[in-house]
């Protein structure tokens, strides 16, 4: 494998959930993600993010323990952080305040299991 790349980008990010039916509905209704693969036997759903990387919701029977300070999480691009945050609030989504620095404006989103997601607007 001398000069060949071993890794070829990220295909999907797995988010463990306690109830695949509830999560599939929430990610669809609240975030507007559309399922592109649904495996009832494995209790997983792959959601289209309008980008090269999908989100895979995968049910687990284990306790889901989340910490926004230590969790790995996907970051979604948004054009306008204020507009996106306001729309999510209207949809009943739990979000944080917007944080801003010289490069980005972002906020965190929490799904029904407390999984952390982030929405980020890059300054131009």
N, C-alpha and C. Protein backbone atom coordinates (compact mmCIF):
# COMPACT_ATOMS: atom_id res chain seq x y z
N UNK A 1 0.83 -1.19 0.00
CA UNK A 1 0.00 0.00 0.00
C UNK A 1 0.86 1.24 0.00
N UNK A 2 2.01 1.21 -0.50
CA UNK A 2 2.99 2.29 -0.40
C UNK A 2 2.41 3.70 -0.54
N UNK A 3 1.93 4.08 -1.73
CA UNK A 3 1.44 5.43 -1.93
C UNK A 3 -0.08 5.51 -2.02
N UNK A 4 -0.75 4.42 -1.86
CA UNK A 4 -2.20 4.41 -1.94
C UNK A 4 -2.81 4.88 -0.62
N UNK A 5 -3.86 5.67 -0.74
CA UNK A 5 -4.59 6.08 0.45
C UNK A 5 -5.37 4.89 0.99
N UNK A 6 -5.28 4.69 2.26
CA UNK A 6 -6.02 3.61 2.89
C UNK A 6 -7.46 4.05 3.13
N UNK A 7 -7.64 5.25 3.66
CA UNK A 7 -8.98 5.77 3.96
C UNK A 7 -9.45 6.67 2.82
N UNK A 8 -10.70 6.56 2.48
CA UNK A 8 -11.26 7.26 1.32
C UNK A 8 -12.40 8.20 1.70
N UNK A 9 -12.31 8.88 2.82
CA UNK A 9 -13.37 9.78 3.25
C UNK A 9 -14.30 9.08 4.23
N UNK A 10 -15.25 9.83 4.75
CA UNK A 10 -16.20 9.29 5.72
C UNK A 10 -17.51 8.98 5.02
N UNK A 11 -17.95 7.74 5.13
CA UNK A 11 -19.19 7.29 4.49
C UNK A 11 -20.40 7.66 5.34
N UNK A 12 -20.36 7.34 6.63
CA UNK A 12 -21.49 7.60 7.53
C UNK A 12 -20.99 7.82 8.94
N UNK A 13 -21.82 8.45 9.74
CA UNK A 13 -21.56 8.61 11.17
C UNK A 13 -22.69 7.89 11.89
N UNK A 14 -22.34 6.98 12.78
CA UNK A 14 -23.35 6.22 13.52
C UNK A 14 -23.73 6.97 14.78
N UNK A 15 -25.04 7.10 14.98
CA UNK A 15 -25.58 7.68 16.20
C UNK A 15 -26.45 6.61 16.84
N UNK A 16 -26.07 6.20 18.04
CA UNK A 16 -26.82 5.15 18.75
C UNK A 16 -28.06 5.77 19.39
N UNK A 17 -29.18 5.10 19.23
CA UNK A 17 -30.47 5.59 19.73
C UNK A 17 -31.18 4.49 20.51
N UNK A 18 -32.11 4.89 21.38
CA UNK A 18 -32.82 3.90 22.20
C UNK A 18 -34.06 3.35 21.51
N UNK A 19 -34.63 4.10 20.56
CA UNK A 19 -35.84 3.66 19.87
C UNK A 19 -35.75 4.13 18.42
N UNK A 20 -35.51 3.22 17.51
CA UNK A 20 -35.29 3.57 16.11
C UNK A 20 -36.51 4.24 15.49
N UNK A 21 -37.70 3.83 15.87
CA UNK A 21 -38.92 4.42 15.31
C UNK A 21 -39.05 5.88 15.73
N UNK A 22 -38.85 6.16 17.01
CA UNK A 22 -38.92 7.54 17.52
C UNK A 22 -37.84 8.40 16.87
N UNK A 23 -36.62 7.88 16.80
CA UNK A 23 -35.51 8.66 16.26
C UNK A 23 -35.66 8.92 14.76
N UNK A 24 -36.09 7.92 14.02
CA UNK A 24 -36.31 8.10 12.58
C UNK A 24 -37.32 9.22 12.34
N UNK A 25 -38.40 9.21 13.10
CA UNK A 25 -39.43 10.24 12.98
C UNK A 25 -38.86 11.60 13.37
N UNK A 26 -38.13 11.68 14.48
CA UNK A 26 -37.58 12.95 14.97
C UNK A 26 -36.59 13.54 13.96
N UNK A 27 -35.65 12.75 13.49
CA UNK A 27 -34.65 13.26 12.55
C UNK A 27 -35.31 13.69 11.23
N UNK A 28 -36.39 13.03 10.86
CA UNK A 28 -37.12 13.42 9.65
C UNK A 28 -37.91 14.70 9.85
N UNK A 29 -38.75 14.72 10.90
CA UNK A 29 -39.63 15.88 11.13
C UNK A 29 -38.89 17.10 11.63
N UNK A 30 -37.96 16.93 12.53
CA UNK A 30 -37.29 18.08 13.15
C UNK A 30 -36.12 18.60 12.33
N UNK A 31 -35.33 17.69 11.73
CA UNK A 31 -34.14 18.11 11.00
C UNK A 31 -34.31 18.03 9.48
N UNK A 32 -35.38 17.41 9.03
CA UNK A 32 -35.62 17.32 7.59
C UNK A 32 -34.76 16.29 6.87
N UNK A 33 -34.19 15.34 7.61
CA UNK A 33 -33.37 14.30 6.97
C UNK A 33 -34.28 13.21 6.44
N UNK A 34 -33.91 12.64 5.31
CA UNK A 34 -34.74 11.64 4.64
C UNK A 34 -34.05 10.28 4.70
N UNK A 35 -34.79 9.22 5.10
CA UNK A 35 -34.18 7.89 5.13
C UNK A 35 -33.88 7.38 3.72
N UNK A 36 -32.67 6.84 3.56
CA UNK A 36 -32.29 6.25 2.27
C UNK A 36 -32.06 4.74 2.38
N UNK A 37 -32.01 4.23 3.60
CA UNK A 37 -31.89 2.79 3.83
C UNK A 37 -32.49 2.51 5.19
N UNK A 38 -33.33 1.51 5.26
CA UNK A 38 -34.02 1.17 6.50
C UNK A 38 -33.94 -0.34 6.67
N UNK A 39 -33.22 -0.80 7.69
CA UNK A 39 -33.08 -2.22 7.95
C UNK A 39 -33.77 -2.55 9.27
N UNK A 40 -35.00 -3.02 9.18
CA UNK A 40 -35.81 -3.31 10.37
C UNK A 40 -35.18 -4.40 11.23
N UNK A 41 -34.55 -5.39 10.60
CA UNK A 41 -33.93 -6.49 11.35
C UNK A 41 -32.77 -6.00 12.22
N UNK A 42 -31.94 -5.12 11.65
CA UNK A 42 -30.79 -4.60 12.40
C UNK A 42 -31.16 -3.37 13.23
N UNK A 43 -32.39 -2.88 13.05
CA UNK A 43 -32.88 -1.69 13.75
C UNK A 43 -31.96 -0.50 13.49
N UNK A 44 -31.74 -0.25 12.18
CA UNK A 44 -30.96 0.91 11.79
C UNK A 44 -31.57 1.59 10.58
N UNK A 45 -31.36 2.90 10.50
CA UNK A 45 -31.84 3.71 9.38
C UNK A 45 -30.71 4.64 8.98
N UNK A 46 -30.42 4.68 7.68
CA UNK A 46 -29.43 5.61 7.14
C UNK A 46 -30.19 6.84 6.64
N UNK A 47 -29.78 8.02 7.12
CA UNK A 47 -30.44 9.27 6.77
C UNK A 47 -29.55 10.10 5.85
N UNK A 48 -30.15 10.63 4.78
CA UNK A 48 -29.44 11.48 3.83
C UNK A 48 -29.26 12.87 4.44
N UNK A 49 -28.04 13.41 4.37
CA UNK A 49 -27.74 14.73 4.92
C UNK A 49 -27.54 15.79 3.84
N UNK A 50 -27.80 15.46 2.59
CA UNK A 50 -27.53 16.35 1.46
C UNK A 50 -26.04 16.63 1.30
N UNK A 51 -25.22 15.73 1.77
CA UNK A 51 -23.77 15.84 1.65
C UNK A 51 -23.20 14.46 1.39
N UNK A 52 -21.89 14.36 1.33
CA UNK A 52 -21.27 13.06 1.03
C UNK A 52 -21.32 12.07 2.20
N UNK A 53 -21.60 12.55 3.40
CA UNK A 53 -21.61 11.69 4.58
C UNK A 53 -23.03 11.57 5.12
N UNK A 54 -23.49 10.35 5.30
CA UNK A 54 -24.83 10.12 5.85
C UNK A 54 -24.76 9.99 7.37
N UNK A 55 -25.93 9.94 7.98
CA UNK A 55 -26.07 9.67 9.41
C UNK A 55 -26.79 8.33 9.52
N UNK A 56 -26.24 7.41 10.30
CA UNK A 56 -26.88 6.12 10.53
C UNK A 56 -27.39 6.07 11.96
N UNK A 57 -28.69 6.02 12.10
CA UNK A 57 -29.32 5.86 13.41
C UNK A 57 -29.40 4.36 13.68
N UNK A 58 -28.85 3.92 14.80
CA UNK A 58 -28.78 2.49 15.08
C UNK A 58 -29.20 2.24 16.52
N UNK A 59 -30.27 1.50 16.67
CA UNK A 59 -30.82 1.23 17.99
C UNK A 59 -29.89 0.34 18.80
N UNK A 60 -29.79 0.65 20.08
CA UNK A 60 -29.02 -0.16 21.01
C UNK A 60 -29.86 -0.45 22.24
N UNK A 61 -29.62 -1.58 22.86
CA UNK A 61 -30.28 -1.90 24.12
C UNK A 61 -29.45 -1.42 25.31
N UNK A 62 -28.24 -0.97 25.05
CA UNK A 62 -27.38 -0.45 26.11
C UNK A 62 -27.80 0.96 26.49
N UNK A 63 -27.47 1.36 27.70
CA UNK A 63 -27.76 2.71 28.15
C UNK A 63 -26.94 3.71 27.33
N UNK A 64 -27.59 4.76 26.88
CA UNK A 64 -26.90 5.80 26.11
C UNK A 64 -26.48 6.88 27.10
N UNK A 65 -25.18 7.09 27.19
CA UNK A 65 -24.63 8.09 28.10
C UNK A 65 -23.95 9.16 27.25
N UNK A 66 -24.43 10.39 27.38
CA UNK A 66 -23.90 11.48 26.55
C UNK A 66 -23.32 12.58 27.42
N UNK A 67 -22.28 13.18 26.90
CA UNK A 67 -21.71 14.39 27.50
C UNK A 67 -21.30 15.29 26.36
N UNK A 68 -21.86 16.49 26.30
CA UNK A 68 -21.51 17.38 25.20
C UNK A 68 -20.04 17.79 25.27
N UNK A 69 -19.41 17.62 26.42
CA UNK A 69 -18.00 17.99 26.56
C UNK A 69 -17.04 16.90 26.09
N UNK A 70 -17.53 15.64 25.99
CA UNK A 70 -16.63 14.56 25.59
C UNK A 70 -17.13 13.76 24.39
N UNK A 71 -18.34 14.01 23.94
CA UNK A 71 -18.91 13.22 22.84
C UNK A 71 -18.30 13.58 21.49
N UNK A 72 -18.20 12.59 20.64
CA UNK A 72 -17.93 12.84 19.22
C UNK A 72 -19.28 13.12 18.58
N UNK A 73 -19.35 14.09 17.67
CA UNK A 73 -20.63 14.42 17.08
C UNK A 73 -20.46 15.02 15.70
N UNK A 74 -21.49 14.88 14.86
CA UNK A 74 -21.44 15.48 13.53
C UNK A 74 -21.72 16.99 13.61
N UNK A 75 -21.11 17.72 12.71
CA UNK A 75 -21.36 19.16 12.59
C UNK A 75 -21.95 19.41 11.21
N UNK A 76 -23.15 19.98 11.20
CA UNK A 76 -23.85 20.30 9.95
C UNK A 76 -23.55 21.74 9.55
N UNK A 77 -23.38 21.97 8.25
CA UNK A 77 -23.22 23.33 7.73
C UNK A 77 -24.58 24.00 7.67
N UNK A 78 -24.64 25.27 8.02
CA UNK A 78 -25.84 26.07 7.83
C UNK A 78 -25.42 27.41 7.22
N UNK A 79 -26.32 28.01 6.46
CA UNK A 79 -26.04 29.30 5.84
C UNK A 79 -26.19 30.43 6.85
N UNK A 80 -27.23 30.33 7.69
CA UNK A 80 -27.52 31.36 8.67
C UNK A 80 -27.83 30.69 10.01
N UNK A 81 -26.93 30.82 10.96
CA UNK A 81 -27.09 30.15 12.25
C UNK A 81 -28.34 30.63 12.99
N UNK A 82 -28.61 31.94 12.96
CA UNK A 82 -29.78 32.47 13.66
C UNK A 82 -31.07 31.92 13.07
N UNK A 83 -31.17 31.94 11.75
CA UNK A 83 -32.38 31.46 11.08
C UNK A 83 -32.58 29.97 11.33
N UNK A 84 -31.51 29.20 11.23
CA UNK A 84 -31.60 27.75 11.44
C UNK A 84 -32.00 27.44 12.88
N UNK A 85 -31.38 28.11 13.82
CA UNK A 85 -31.69 27.90 15.23
C UNK A 85 -33.14 28.26 15.53
N UNK A 86 -33.59 29.39 15.03
CA UNK A 86 -34.97 29.82 15.26
C UNK A 86 -35.97 28.81 14.69
N UNK A 87 -35.68 28.28 13.51
CA UNK A 87 -36.58 27.29 12.90
C UNK A 87 -36.61 26.02 13.75
N UNK A 88 -35.46 25.58 14.24
CA UNK A 88 -35.42 24.38 15.08
C UNK A 88 -36.19 24.60 16.38
N UNK A 89 -36.07 25.78 16.95
CA UNK A 89 -36.83 26.09 18.17
C UNK A 89 -38.33 26.02 17.88
N UNK A 90 -38.76 26.57 16.73
CA UNK A 90 -40.18 26.49 16.35
C UNK A 90 -40.64 25.04 16.23
N UNK A 91 -39.73 24.16 15.84
CA UNK A 91 -40.05 22.74 15.69
C UNK A 91 -39.95 21.98 17.00
N UNK A 92 -39.63 22.69 18.08
CA UNK A 92 -39.57 22.06 19.39
C UNK A 92 -38.27 21.34 19.70
N UNK A 93 -37.19 21.72 19.02
CA UNK A 93 -35.90 21.06 19.21
C UNK A 93 -35.11 21.75 20.33
N UNK A 94 -34.47 20.95 21.16
CA UNK A 94 -33.62 21.46 22.24
C UNK A 94 -32.29 21.91 21.64
N UNK A 95 -31.99 23.21 21.72
CA UNK A 95 -30.76 23.77 21.18
C UNK A 95 -30.10 24.68 22.21
N UNK A 96 -28.81 24.92 22.04
CA UNK A 96 -28.08 25.85 22.91
C UNK A 96 -28.13 27.25 22.30
N UNK A 97 -27.60 28.19 23.04
CA UNK A 97 -27.41 29.54 22.50
C UNK A 97 -26.34 29.49 21.41
N UNK A 98 -26.30 30.51 20.57
CA UNK A 98 -25.27 30.60 19.52
C UNK A 98 -23.96 31.07 20.14
N UNK A 99 -22.90 30.42 19.75
CA UNK A 99 -21.54 30.80 20.16
C UNK A 99 -20.85 31.33 18.91
N UNK A 100 -20.11 32.42 19.08
CA UNK A 100 -19.47 33.04 17.91
C UNK A 100 -18.02 33.37 18.23
N UNK A 101 -17.17 33.17 17.22
CA UNK A 101 -15.79 33.64 17.30
C UNK A 101 -15.46 34.31 15.98
N UNK A 102 -14.21 34.50 15.69
CA UNK A 102 -13.82 35.19 14.45
C UNK A 102 -14.04 34.36 13.19
N UNK A 103 -14.25 33.07 13.35
CA UNK A 103 -14.35 32.18 12.20
C UNK A 103 -15.76 31.62 11.99
N UNK A 104 -16.44 31.27 13.07
CA UNK A 104 -17.72 30.57 12.96
C UNK A 104 -18.76 31.10 13.95
N UNK A 105 -20.03 30.77 13.64
CA UNK A 105 -21.16 30.92 14.56
C UNK A 105 -21.80 29.55 14.62
N UNK A 106 -22.01 29.01 15.81
CA UNK A 106 -22.53 27.66 15.90
C UNK A 106 -23.40 27.48 17.15
N UNK A 107 -24.18 26.41 17.12
CA UNK A 107 -24.97 26.01 18.28
C UNK A 107 -25.12 24.50 18.27
N UNK A 108 -25.43 23.96 19.44
CA UNK A 108 -25.59 22.53 19.54
C UNK A 108 -27.07 22.17 19.59
N UNK A 109 -27.35 20.96 19.11
CA UNK A 109 -28.69 20.41 19.00
C UNK A 109 -28.67 19.08 19.76
N UNK A 110 -29.79 18.77 20.44
CA UNK A 110 -29.86 17.51 21.19
C UNK A 110 -31.07 16.71 20.72
N UNK A 111 -30.82 15.45 20.35
CA UNK A 111 -31.91 14.58 19.89
C UNK A 111 -32.64 13.98 21.10
N UNK A 112 -33.67 13.16 20.88
CA UNK A 112 -34.44 12.62 22.02
C UNK A 112 -33.61 11.80 23.01
N UNK A 113 -32.48 11.24 22.58
CA UNK A 113 -31.61 10.48 23.48
C UNK A 113 -30.51 11.33 24.10
N UNK A 114 -30.51 12.64 23.78
CA UNK A 114 -29.47 13.52 24.31
C UNK A 114 -28.20 13.50 23.49
N UNK A 115 -28.23 12.82 22.32
CA UNK A 115 -27.06 12.85 21.44
C UNK A 115 -26.81 14.27 20.98
N UNK A 116 -25.54 14.66 20.90
CA UNK A 116 -25.15 16.00 20.51
C UNK A 116 -24.93 16.06 19.00
N UNK A 117 -25.49 17.11 18.39
CA UNK A 117 -25.24 17.45 16.99
C UNK A 117 -24.87 18.93 17.02
N UNK A 118 -24.27 19.41 15.96
CA UNK A 118 -23.93 20.84 15.94
C UNK A 118 -24.28 21.41 14.57
N UNK A 119 -24.67 22.68 14.56
CA UNK A 119 -24.93 23.43 13.33
C UNK A 119 -23.95 24.58 13.31
N UNK A 120 -23.26 24.76 12.20
CA UNK A 120 -22.16 25.72 12.13
C UNK A 120 -22.25 26.59 10.87
N UNK A 121 -22.15 27.88 11.07
CA UNK A 121 -22.08 28.85 9.98
C UNK A 121 -20.67 29.41 9.96
N UNK A 122 -19.99 29.29 8.83
CA UNK A 122 -18.62 29.82 8.69
C UNK A 122 -18.72 31.25 8.19
N UNK A 123 -17.99 32.16 8.85
CA UNK A 123 -17.95 33.55 8.40
C UNK A 123 -17.27 33.63 7.03
N UNK A 124 -17.78 34.49 6.21
CA UNK A 124 -17.14 34.65 4.88
C UNK A 124 -16.45 35.97 4.78
